[in-house]
Amino acid sequence: MKKLCVLMLIAIIAIPVYAQPQKGYVYLKNGSILKGKYQYTEDLSKIKIESAGNIWIFESGEIERVSNKKEQMENYFKESEISSPLFLRTEIGVLAGSSENSQTAPFSFTSSLNYTFIPKLSAGLGIGIEFLKESYLPTYINIEYKFKDSYSTPYLFLKTGYEIPLEDSNDIYGGVQPVYYDYYWPGNWNYYNNNEPLDTKGGFMINPGFGYQRMFSPGFGMSFAFGYQFHRLSYSGENDYRLDIDYNRLTIKLGIIFN
């Protein structure tokens, strides 16, 4: 019985004790790279790697270095050569508003080509399409600031420009007090009460916000952003009549980044 206990004790001591496994990449000195779960023995003399259903055990002297998944992505992002500081951010989402509005969440599609001046700051030009009471083509300047020069980072953005109308007015704005008009004549107000359509002129827009982006490679990534968008749409009619309608919206957008 004593001999059995001694043998069991020897067997236990002989079995390597491994630390908790981690996921990442193991670089061997022979040039091979293994991806999977790895764990060192307590004395750091050996490493066990589980990859693609196989198990390897190497001496520590055969290992050049190891890195977890986050470190690998950081190194890949920084070491890869990016041919151009230009990147394209294409976003799709909604302009969420009050339930009292005739359109509570109009569709919005925008795309901007940006130039990175310094690692965290970029600026560019963008266009898109938005479906409010009429269809509009937003043309804007886009400025972005990343919190980190990393594959994964939050960022701030500011878009400002002009909403260009793509069609005539779809609604008759009768019975609404105009914001202002150039000449106050009874004819102006009578014209307006006749419920005749107004000409769309578009208007100013500004959209500050906050987002988060993650690059899956130096050339492709995704983002999620939300912000506040104000735009003023102008309409004109006969006798120098003019009507301005202001929109205050929450923007919620999912984006794709190409570099």
C-alpha atoms as a PDB file:
ATOM      1  CA  MET A   1       0.000   0.000   0.000  1.00  0.00           C
ATOM      2  CA  LYS A   2       2.861   2.334   0.886  1.00  0.00           C
ATOM      3  CA  LYS A   3       4.565   1.520  -2.405  1.00  0.00           C
ATOM      4  CA  LEU A   4       1.360   2.321  -4.311  1.00  0.00           C
ATOM      5  CA  CYS A   5       1.081   5.690  -2.587  1.00  0.00           C
ATOM      6  CA  VAL A   6       4.710   6.476  -3.343  1.00  0.00           C
ATOM      7  CA  LEU A   7       4.228   5.567  -7.012  1.00  0.00           C
ATOM      8  CA  MET A   8       1.108   7.740  -7.219  1.00  0.00           C
ATOM      9  CA  LEU A   9       2.980  10.644  -5.629  1.00  0.00           C
ATOM     10  CA  ILE A  10       5.847  10.266  -8.115  1.00  0.00           C
ATOM     11  CA  ALA A  11       3.370  10.149 -11.009  1.00  0.00           C
ATOM     12  CA  ILE A  12       1.665  13.310  -9.813  1.00  0.00           C
ATOM     13  CA  ILE A  13       4.996  15.114  -9.449  1.00  0.00           C
ATOM     14  CA  ALA A  14       6.079  13.951 -12.897  1.00  0.00           C
ATOM     15  CA  ILE A  15       2.975  15.330 -14.570  1.00  0.00           C
ATOM     16  CA  PRO A  16       3.565  18.963 -15.607  1.00  0.00           C
ATOM     17  CA  VAL A  17       1.309  21.475 -13.868  1.00  0.00           C
ATOM     18  CA  TYR A  18      -0.031  24.069 -16.311  1.00  0.00           C
ATOM     19  CA  ALA A  19      -1.295  27.557 -15.640  1.00  0.00           C
ATOM     20  CA  GLN A  20      -4.670  28.804 -16.901  1.00  0.00           C
ATOM     21  CA  PRO A  21      -4.982  28.633 -20.724  1.00  0.00           C
ATOM     22  CA  GLN A  22      -5.116  31.767 -22.864  1.00  0.00           C
ATOM     23  CA  LYS A  23      -6.147  32.354 -26.470  1.00  0.00           C
ATOM     24  CA  GLY A  24      -3.641  33.847 -28.840  1.00  0.00           C
ATOM     25  CA  TYR A  25      -0.671  33.233 -31.127  1.00  0.00           C
ATOM     26  CA  VAL A  26       2.527  31.296 -30.415  1.00  0.00           C
ATOM     27  CA  TYR A  27       5.573  32.142 -32.552  1.00  0.00           C
ATOM     28  CA  LEU A  28       8.152  29.342 -32.793  1.00  0.00           C
ATOM     29  CA  LYS A  29      11.815  29.977 -33.504  1.00  0.00           C
ATOM     30  CA  ASN A  30      11.564  27.759 -36.579  1.00  0.00           C
ATOM     31  CA  GLY A  31       9.218  30.337 -38.151  1.00  0.00           C
ATOM     32  CA  SER A  32       5.914  28.549 -37.494  1.00  0.00           C
ATOM     33  CA  ILE A  33       2.932  30.354 -35.960  1.00  0.00           C
ATOM     34  CA  LEU A  34       0.235  28.460 -34.060  1.00  0.00           C
ATOM     35  CA  LYS A  35      -3.124  29.992 -33.210  1.00  0.00           C
ATOM     36  CA  GLY A  36      -5.239  28.598 -30.390  1.00  0.00           C
ATOM     37  CA  LYS A  37      -5.185  28.034 -26.638  1.00  0.00           C
ATOM     38  CA  TYR A  38      -1.791  28.004 -24.979  1.00  0.00           C
ATOM     39  CA  GLN A  39      -0.635  27.510 -21.401  1.00  0.00           C
ATOM     40  CA  TYR A  40       2.756  27.313 -19.712  1.00  0.00           C
ATOM     41  CA  THR A  41       3.740  24.927 -16.953  1.00  0.00           C
ATOM     42  CA  GLU A  42       4.078  26.477 -13.519  1.00  0.00           C
ATOM     43  CA  ASP A  43       7.872  26.503 -13.830  1.00  0.00           C
ATOM     44  CA  LEU A  44       7.623  27.984 -17.381  1.00  0.00           C
ATOM     45  CA  SER A  45       9.771  25.168 -18.767  1.00  0.00           C
ATOM     46  CA  LYS A  46       7.145  23.933 -21.271  1.00  0.00           C
ATOM     47  CA  ILE A  47       4.148  25.211 -23.162  1.00  0.00           C
ATOM     48  CA  LYS A  48       1.094  23.280 -24.324  1.00  0.00           C
ATOM     49  CA  ILE A  49      -0.793  24.484 -27.400  1.00  0.00           C
ATOM     50  CA  GLU A  50      -4.277  23.376 -28.547  1.00  0.00           C
ATOM     51  CA  SER A  51      -4.868  24.329 -32.165  1.00  0.00           C
ATOM     52  CA  ALA A  52      -7.228  22.943 -34.838  1.00  0.00           C
ATOM     53  CA  GLY A  53      -7.988  19.875 -32.718  1.00  0.00           C
ATOM     54  CA  ASN A  54      -4.286  19.050 -32.165  1.00  0.00           C
ATOM     55  CA  ILE A  55      -2.137  19.330 -29.046  1.00  0.00           C
ATOM     56  CA  TRP A  56       1.556  20.238 -29.113  1.00  0.00           C
ATOM     57  CA  ILE A  57       4.008  20.495 -26.221  1.00  0.00           C
ATOM     58  CA  PHE A  58       7.196  22.502 -26.733  1.00  0.00           C
ATOM     59  CA  GLU A  59      10.149  23.405 -24.578  1.00  0.00           C
ATOM     60  CA  SER A  60      10.252  27.098 -23.680  1.00  0.00           C
ATOM     61  CA  GLY A  61      13.534  27.411 -25.539  1.00  0.00           C
ATOM     62  CA  GLU A  62      11.707  26.646 -28.814  1.00  0.00           C
ATOM     63  CA  ILE A  63       9.371  29.628 -28.389  1.00  0.00           C
ATOM     64  CA  GLU A  64      10.236  33.034 -29.784  1.00  0.00           C
ATOM     65  CA  ARG A  65       7.249  34.885 -28.339  1.00  0.00           C
ATOM     66  CA  VAL A  66       3.527  34.620 -27.597  1.00  0.00           C
ATOM     67  CA  SER A  67       0.756  37.203 -27.884  1.00  0.00           C
ATOM     68  CA  ASN A  68      -2.912  37.195 -27.048  1.00  0.00           C
ATOM     69  CA  LYS A  69      -5.551  38.076 -29.614  1.00  0.00           C
ATOM     70  CA  LYS A  70      -5.712  41.768 -28.677  1.00  0.00           C
ATOM     71  CA  GLU A  71      -1.939  42.194 -28.869  1.00  0.00           C
ATOM     72  CA  GLN A  72      -1.907  40.406 -32.223  1.00  0.00           C
ATOM     73  CA  MET A  73      -4.506  42.748 -33.688  1.00  0.00           C
ATOM     74  CA  GLU A  74      -2.662  45.808 -32.370  1.00  0.00           C
ATOM     75  CA  ASN A  75       0.621  44.625 -33.909  1.00  0.00           C
ATOM     76  CA  TYR A  76      -1.058  43.687 -37.187  1.00  0.00           C
ATOM     77  CA  PHE A  77      -2.766  47.055 -37.415  1.00  0.00           C
ATOM     78  CA  LYS A  78       0.399  49.047 -36.677  1.00  0.00           C
ATOM     79  CA  GLU A  79       2.891  46.962 -38.664  1.00  0.00           C
ATOM     80  CA  SER A  80       0.804  46.611 -41.840  1.00  0.00           C
ATOM     81  CA  GLU A  81       1.581  49.101 -44.559  1.00  0.00           C
ATOM     82  CA  ILE A  82      -1.438  51.173 -45.502  1.00  0.00           C
ATOM     83  CA  SER A  83      -1.030  52.458 -49.050  1.00  0.00           C
ATOM     84  CA  SER A  84      -3.047  55.647 -48.529  1.00  0.00           C
ATOM     85  CA  PRO A  85      -4.206  57.841 -45.624  1.00  0.00           C
ATOM     86  CA  LEU A  86      -7.618  57.969 -47.333  1.00  0.00           C
ATOM     87  CA  PHE A  87     -10.537  55.927 -46.027  1.00  0.00           C
ATOM     88  CA  LEU A  88     -14.199  55.650 -46.981  1.00  0.00           C
ATOM     89  CA  ARG A  89     -16.889  55.527 -44.293  1.00  0.00           C
ATOM     90  CA  THR A  90     -20.320  54.457 -45.557  1.00  0.00           C
ATOM     91  CA  GLU A  91     -23.230  54.567 -43.095  1.00  0.00           C
ATOM     92  CA  ILE A  92     -26.871  53.536 -43.080  1.00  0.00           C
ATOM     93  CA  GLY A  93     -29.402  54.346 -40.386  1.00  0.00           C
ATOM     94  CA  VAL A  94     -32.370  56.434 -39.275  1.00  0.00           C
ATOM     95  CA  LEU A  95     -33.115  59.983 -38.151  1.00  0.00           C
ATOM     96  CA  ALA A  96     -35.224  59.250 -35.082  1.00  0.00           C
ATOM     97  CA  GLY A  97     -37.646  61.965 -33.955  1.00  0.00           C
ATOM     98  CA  SER A  98     -40.783  62.649 -32.007  1.00  0.00           C
ATOM     99  CA  SER A  99     -43.768  60.333 -32.400  1.00  0.00           C
ATOM    100  CA  GLU A 100     -45.765  63.471 -33.182  1.00  0.00           C
ATOM    101  CA  ASN A 101     -43.772  63.992 -36.416  1.00  0.00           C
ATOM    102  CA  SER A 102     -45.283  62.772 -39.678  1.00  0.00           C
ATOM    103  CA  GLN A 103     -42.108  60.671 -40.180  1.00  0.00           C
ATOM    104  CA  THR A 104     -40.758  59.352 -36.896  1.00  0.00           C
ATOM    105  CA  ALA A 105     -37.576  57.715 -38.300  1.00  0.00           C
ATOM    106  CA  PRO A 106     -36.690  58.648 -41.897  1.00  0.00           C
ATOM    107  CA  PHE A 107     -34.068  56.538 -43.660  1.00  0.00           C
ATOM    108  CA  SER A 108     -30.568  58.007 -44.083  1.00  0.00           C
ATOM    109  CA  PHE A 109     -27.634  56.824 -46.206  1.00  0.00           C
ATOM    110  CA  THR A 110     -24.334  58.738 -46.247  1.00  0.00           C
ATOM    111  CA  SER A 111     -20.783  58.135 -47.445  1.00  0.00           C
ATOM    112  CA  SER A 112     -17.689  60.283 -46.899  1.00  0.00           C
ATOM    113  CA  LEU A 113     -14.131  60.106 -48.214  1.00  0.00           C
ATOM    114  CA  ASN A 114     -11.742  61.180 -45.462  1.00  0.00           C
ATOM    115  CA  TYR A 115      -8.056  62.067 -45.313  1.00  0.00           C
ATOM    116  CA  THR A 116      -6.020  61.360 -42.164  1.00  0.00           C
ATOM    117  CA  PHE A 117      -3.884  64.431 -41.438  1.00  0.00           C
ATOM    118  CA  ILE A 118      -2.434  63.067 -38.201  1.00  0.00           C
ATOM    119  CA  PRO A 119      -2.965  59.580 -36.673  1.00  0.00           C
ATOM    120  CA  LYS A 120      -6.098  60.610 -34.724  1.00  0.00           C
ATOM    121  CA  LEU A 121      -7.560  63.440 -36.835  1.00  0.00           C
ATOM    122  CA  SER A 122      -9.164  63.218 -40.267  1.00  0.00           C
ATOM    123  CA  ALA A 123     -11.445  65.322 -42.460  1.00  0.00           C
ATOM    124  CA  GLY A 124     -13.274  64.777 -45.715  1.00  0.00           C
ATOM    125  CA  LEU A 125     -16.286  65.358 -47.933  1.00  0.00           C
ATOM    126  CA  GLY A 126     -19.484  63.355 -48.019  1.00  0.00           C
ATOM    127  CA  ILE A 127     -22.799  62.939 -49.804  1.00  0.00           C
ATOM    128  CA  GLY A 128     -25.844  60.768 -49.252  1.00  0.00           C
ATOM    129  CA  ILE A 129     -29.604  60.545 -49.482  1.00  0.00           C
ATOM    130  CA  GLU A 130     -32.242  61.208 -46.832  1.00  0.00           C
ATOM    131  CA  PHE A 131     -36.005  60.775 -47.077  1.00  0.00           C
ATOM    132  CA  LEU A 132     -37.752  63.490 -45.089  1.00  0.00           C
ATOM    133  CA  LYS A 133     -40.984  65.013 -46.398  1.00  0.00           C
ATOM    134  CA  GLU A 134     -39.110  65.066 -49.692  1.00  0.00           C
ATOM    135  CA  SER A 135     -35.927  63.317 -50.831  1.00  0.00           C
ATOM    136  CA  TYR A 136     -32.726  65.252 -50.132  1.00  0.00           C
ATOM    137  CA  LEU A 137     -29.062  64.919 -51.045  1.00  0.00           C
ATOM    138  CA  PRO A 138     -26.936  65.938 -48.034  1.00  0.00           C
ATOM    139  CA  THR A 139     -23.523  67.318 -49.020  1.00  0.00           C
ATOM    140  CA  TYR A 140     -21.249  67.922 -46.066  1.00  0.00           C
ATOM    141  CA  ILE A 141     -17.801  68.274 -44.526  1.00  0.00           C
ATOM    142  CA  ASN A 142     -16.928  65.443 -42.142  1.00  0.00           C
ATOM    143  CA  ILE A 143     -14.376  65.899 -39.333  1.00  0.00           C
ATOM    144  CA  GLU A 144     -13.433  62.942 -37.100  1.00  0.00           C
ATOM    145  CA  TYR A 145     -11.217  62.574 -34.042  1.00  0.00           C
ATOM    146  CA  LYS A 146     -10.261  59.115 -32.733  1.00  0.00           C
ATOM    147  CA  PHE A 147      -9.504  58.661 -29.037  1.00  0.00           C
ATOM    148  CA  LYS A 148      -6.771  56.092 -29.815  1.00  0.00           C
ATOM    149  CA  ASP A 149      -4.587  55.270 -32.791  1.00  0.00           C
ATOM    150  CA  SER A 150      -5.729  51.665 -32.603  1.00  0.00           C
ATOM    151  CA  TYR A 151      -7.730  49.054 -34.468  1.00  0.00           C
ATOM    152  CA  SER A 152     -10.490  49.524 -31.869  1.00  0.00           C
ATOM    153  CA  THR A 153     -11.403  52.997 -30.640  1.00  0.00           C
ATOM    154  CA  PRO A 154     -14.248  55.411 -29.881  1.00  0.00           C
ATOM    155  CA  TYR A 155     -14.340  58.601 -31.930  1.00  0.00           C
ATOM    156  CA  LEU A 156     -16.049  61.976 -32.207  1.00  0.00           C
ATOM    157  CA  PHE A 157     -17.411  63.401 -35.447  1.00  0.00           C
ATOM    158  CA  LEU A 158     -18.896  66.604 -36.824  1.00  0.00           C
ATOM    159  CA  LYS A 159     -20.772  66.792 -40.113  1.00  0.00           C
ATOM    160  CA  THR A 160     -21.982  70.096 -41.467  1.00  0.00           C
ATOM    161  CA  GLY A 161     -23.272  71.076 -44.885  1.00  0.00           C
ATOM    162  CA  TYR A 162     -26.392  71.567 -46.969  1.00  0.00           C
ATOM    163  CA  GLU A 163     -29.470  69.473 -47.790  1.00  0.00           C
ATOM    164  CA  ILE A 164     -30.092  69.678 -51.558  1.00  0.00           C
ATOM    165  CA  PRO A 165     -33.699  68.869 -52.571  1.00  0.00           C
ATOM    166  CA  LEU A 166     -34.166  66.138 -55.175  1.00  0.00           C
ATOM    167  CA  GLU A 167     -37.903  66.693 -55.771  1.00  0.00           C
ATOM    168  CA  ASP A 168     -40.669  69.245 -55.410  1.00  0.00           C
ATOM    169  CA  SER A 169     -42.655  69.651 -52.219  1.00  0.00           C
ATOM    170  CA  ASN A 170     -44.830  66.638 -51.431  1.00  0.00           C
ATOM    171  CA  ASP A 171     -46.973  68.372 -48.814  1.00  0.00           C
ATOM    172  CA  ILE A 172     -49.323  71.346 -48.839  1.00  0.00           C
ATOM    173  CA  TYR A 173     -48.371  73.576 -45.913  1.00  0.00           C
ATOM    174  CA  GLY A 174     -51.699  75.274 -45.372  1.00  0.00           C
ATOM    175  CA  GLY A 175     -52.672  76.832 -42.046  1.00  0.00           C
ATOM    176  CA  VAL A 176     -49.099  76.919 -40.664  1.00  0.00           C
ATOM    177  CA  GLN A 177     -47.729  80.238 -39.462  1.00  0.00           C
ATOM    178  CA  PRO A 178     -44.560  80.957 -41.518  1.00  0.00           C
ATOM    179  CA  VAL A 179     -41.294  81.613 -39.692  1.00  0.00           C
ATOM    180  CA  TYR A 180     -40.830  84.837 -41.632  1.00  0.00           C
ATOM    181  CA  TYR A 181     -41.435  86.300 -45.043  1.00  0.00           C
ATOM    182  CA  ASP A 182     -39.690  89.154 -46.807  1.00  0.00           C
ATOM    183  CA  TYR A 183     -42.729  91.315 -47.480  1.00  0.00           C
ATOM    184  CA  TYR A 184     -45.827  91.282 -45.357  1.00  0.00           C
ATOM    185  CA  TRP A 185     -48.755  91.753 -47.722  1.00  0.00           C
ATOM    186  CA  PRO A 186     -52.238  90.314 -47.477  1.00  0.00           C
ATOM    187  CA  GLY A 187     -51.571  88.677 -50.852  1.00  0.00           C
ATOM    188  CA  ASN A 188     -48.783  86.582 -49.346  1.00  0.00           C
ATOM    189  CA  TRP A 189     -50.944  85.076 -46.666  1.00  0.00           C
ATOM    190  CA  ASN A 190     -53.843  84.628 -49.082  1.00  0.00           C
ATOM    191  CA  TYR A 191     -51.525  82.763 -51.445  1.00  0.00           C
ATOM    192  CA  TYR A 192     -50.419  80.514 -48.615  1.00  0.00           C
ATOM    193  CA  ASN A 193     -53.970  79.739 -47.542  1.00  0.00           C
ATOM    194  CA  ASN A 194     -54.805  78.705 -51.094  1.00  0.00           C
ATOM    195  CA  ASN A 195     -52.897  75.492 -50.366  1.00  0.00           C
ATOM    196  CA  GLU A 196     -50.716  75.731 -53.433  1.00  0.00           C
ATOM    197  CA  PRO A 197     -47.451  73.723 -53.381  1.00  0.00           C
ATOM    198  CA  LEU A 198     -44.235  75.467 -52.430  1.00  0.00           C
ATOM    199  CA  ASP A 199     -40.827  75.119 -54.084  1.00  0.00           C
ATOM    200  CA  THR A 200     -38.232  73.218 -52.072  1.00  0.00           C
ATOM    201  CA  LYS A 201     -34.945  75.030 -51.455  1.00  0.00           C
ATOM    202  CA  GLY A 202     -33.181  72.665 -49.056  1.00  0.00           C
ATOM    203  CA  GLY A 203     -31.253  74.050 -46.127  1.00  0.00           C
ATOM    204  CA  PHE A 204     -28.392  74.014 -43.637  1.00  0.00           C
ATOM    205  CA  MET A 205     -27.581  70.882 -41.582  1.00  0.00           C
ATOM    206  CA  ILE A 206     -25.204  70.066 -38.724  1.00  0.00           C
ATOM    207  CA  ASN A 207     -24.635  66.672 -37.096  1.00  0.00           C
ATOM    208  CA  PRO A 208     -22.226  66.251 -34.143  1.00  0.00           C
ATOM    209  CA  GLY A 209     -21.963  62.844 -32.521  1.00  0.00           C
ATOM    210  CA  PHE A 210     -20.061  59.976 -30.957  1.00  0.00           C
ATOM    211  CA  GLY A 211     -19.167  56.546 -32.357  1.00  0.00           C
ATOM    212  CA  TYR A 212     -17.131  53.389 -31.930  1.00  0.00           C
ATOM    213  CA  GLN A 213     -15.171  51.656 -34.699  1.00  0.00           C
ATOM    214  CA  ARG A 214     -13.319  48.350 -34.961  1.00  0.00           C
ATOM    215  CA  MET A 215     -10.947  47.410 -37.754  1.00  0.00           C
ATOM    216  CA  PHE A 216     -10.862  43.710 -38.640  1.00  0.00           C
ATOM    217  CA  SER A 217      -7.897  44.331 -40.936  1.00  0.00           C
ATOM    218  CA  PRO A 218      -5.992  47.462 -42.030  1.00  0.00           C
ATOM    219  CA  GLY A 219      -8.385  47.769 -44.970  1.00  0.00           C
ATOM    220  CA  PHE A 220     -11.792  46.871 -43.514  1.00  0.00           C
ATOM    221  CA  GLY A 221     -13.752  47.728 -40.402  1.00  0.00           C
ATOM    222  CA  MET A 222     -17.173  48.573 -38.997  1.00  0.00           C
ATOM    223  CA  SER A 223     -18.591  51.339 -36.844  1.00  0.00           C
ATOM    224  CA  PHE A 224     -21.659  52.254 -34.823  1.00  0.00           C
ATOM    225  CA  ALA A 225     -22.511  55.888 -34.138  1.00  0.00           C
ATOM    226  CA  PHE A 226     -25.216  58.121 -32.797  1.00  0.00           C
ATOM    227  CA  GLY A 227     -25.570  61.877 -32.637  1.00  0.00           C
ATOM    228  CA  TYR A 228     -27.823  64.906 -32.893  1.00  0.00           C
ATOM    229  CA  GLN A 229     -28.775  66.354 -36.288  1.00  0.00           C
ATOM    230  CA  PHE A 230     -30.332  69.747 -36.880  1.00  0.00           C
ATOM    231  CA  HIS A 231     -31.410  70.835 -40.338  1.00  0.00           C
ATOM    232  CA  ARG A 232     -33.560  73.679 -41.595  1.00  0.00           C
ATOM    233  CA  LEU A 233     -35.550  73.060 -44.770  1.00  0.00           C
ATOM    234  CA  SER A 234     -36.712  76.135 -46.689  1.00  0.00           C
ATOM    235  CA  TYR A 235     -39.664  76.519 -49.049  1.00  0.00           C
ATOM    236  CA  SER A 236     -40.618  79.450 -51.272  1.00  0.00           C
ATOM    237  CA  GLY A 237     -43.714  80.548 -53.116  1.00  0.00           C
ATOM    238  CA  GLU A 238     -45.102  83.440 -55.042  1.00  0.00           C
ATOM    239  CA  ASN A 239     -44.836  87.069 -53.941  1.00  0.00           C
ATOM    240  CA  ASP A 240     -41.524  86.436 -52.141  1.00  0.00           C
ATOM    241  CA  TYR A 241     -43.204  84.044 -49.712  1.00  0.00           C
ATOM    242  CA  ARG A 242     -40.843  81.822 -47.698  1.00  0.00           C
ATOM    243  CA  LEU A 243     -41.336  79.098 -45.091  1.00  0.00           C
ATOM    244  CA  ASP A 244     -38.607  77.497 -42.910  1.00  0.00           C
ATOM    245  CA  ILE A 245     -39.150  74.187 -41.105  1.00  0.00           C
ATOM    246  CA  ASP A 246     -36.612  73.014 -38.499  1.00  0.00           C
ATOM    247  CA  TYR A 247     -35.853  69.356 -37.774  1.00  0.00           C
ATOM    248  CA  ASN A 248     -34.177  68.085 -34.601  1.00  0.00           C
ATOM    249  CA  ARG A 249     -33.268  64.418 -34.898  1.00  0.00           C
ATOM    250  CA  LEU A 250     -31.268  61.666 -33.196  1.00  0.00           C
ATOM    251  CA  THR A 251     -29.051  59.868 -35.733  1.00  0.00           C
ATOM    252  CA  ILE A 252     -28.417  56.136 -35.256  1.00  0.00           C
ATOM    253  CA  LYS A 253     -26.122  54.608 -37.900  1.00  0.00           C
ATOM    254  CA  LEU A 254     -24.180  51.457 -38.688  1.00  0.00           C
ATOM    255  CA  GLY A 255     -21.097  51.976 -40.864  1.00  0.00           C
ATOM    256  CA  ILE A 256     -18.553  50.104 -42.974  1.00  0.00           C
ATOM    257  CA  ILE A 257     -14.973  51.400 -43.343  1.00  0.00           C
ATOM    258  CA  PHE A 258     -12.799  50.766 -46.395  1.00  0.00           C
ATOM    259  CA  ASN A 259      -9.155  51.809 -46.499  1.00  0.00           C
END
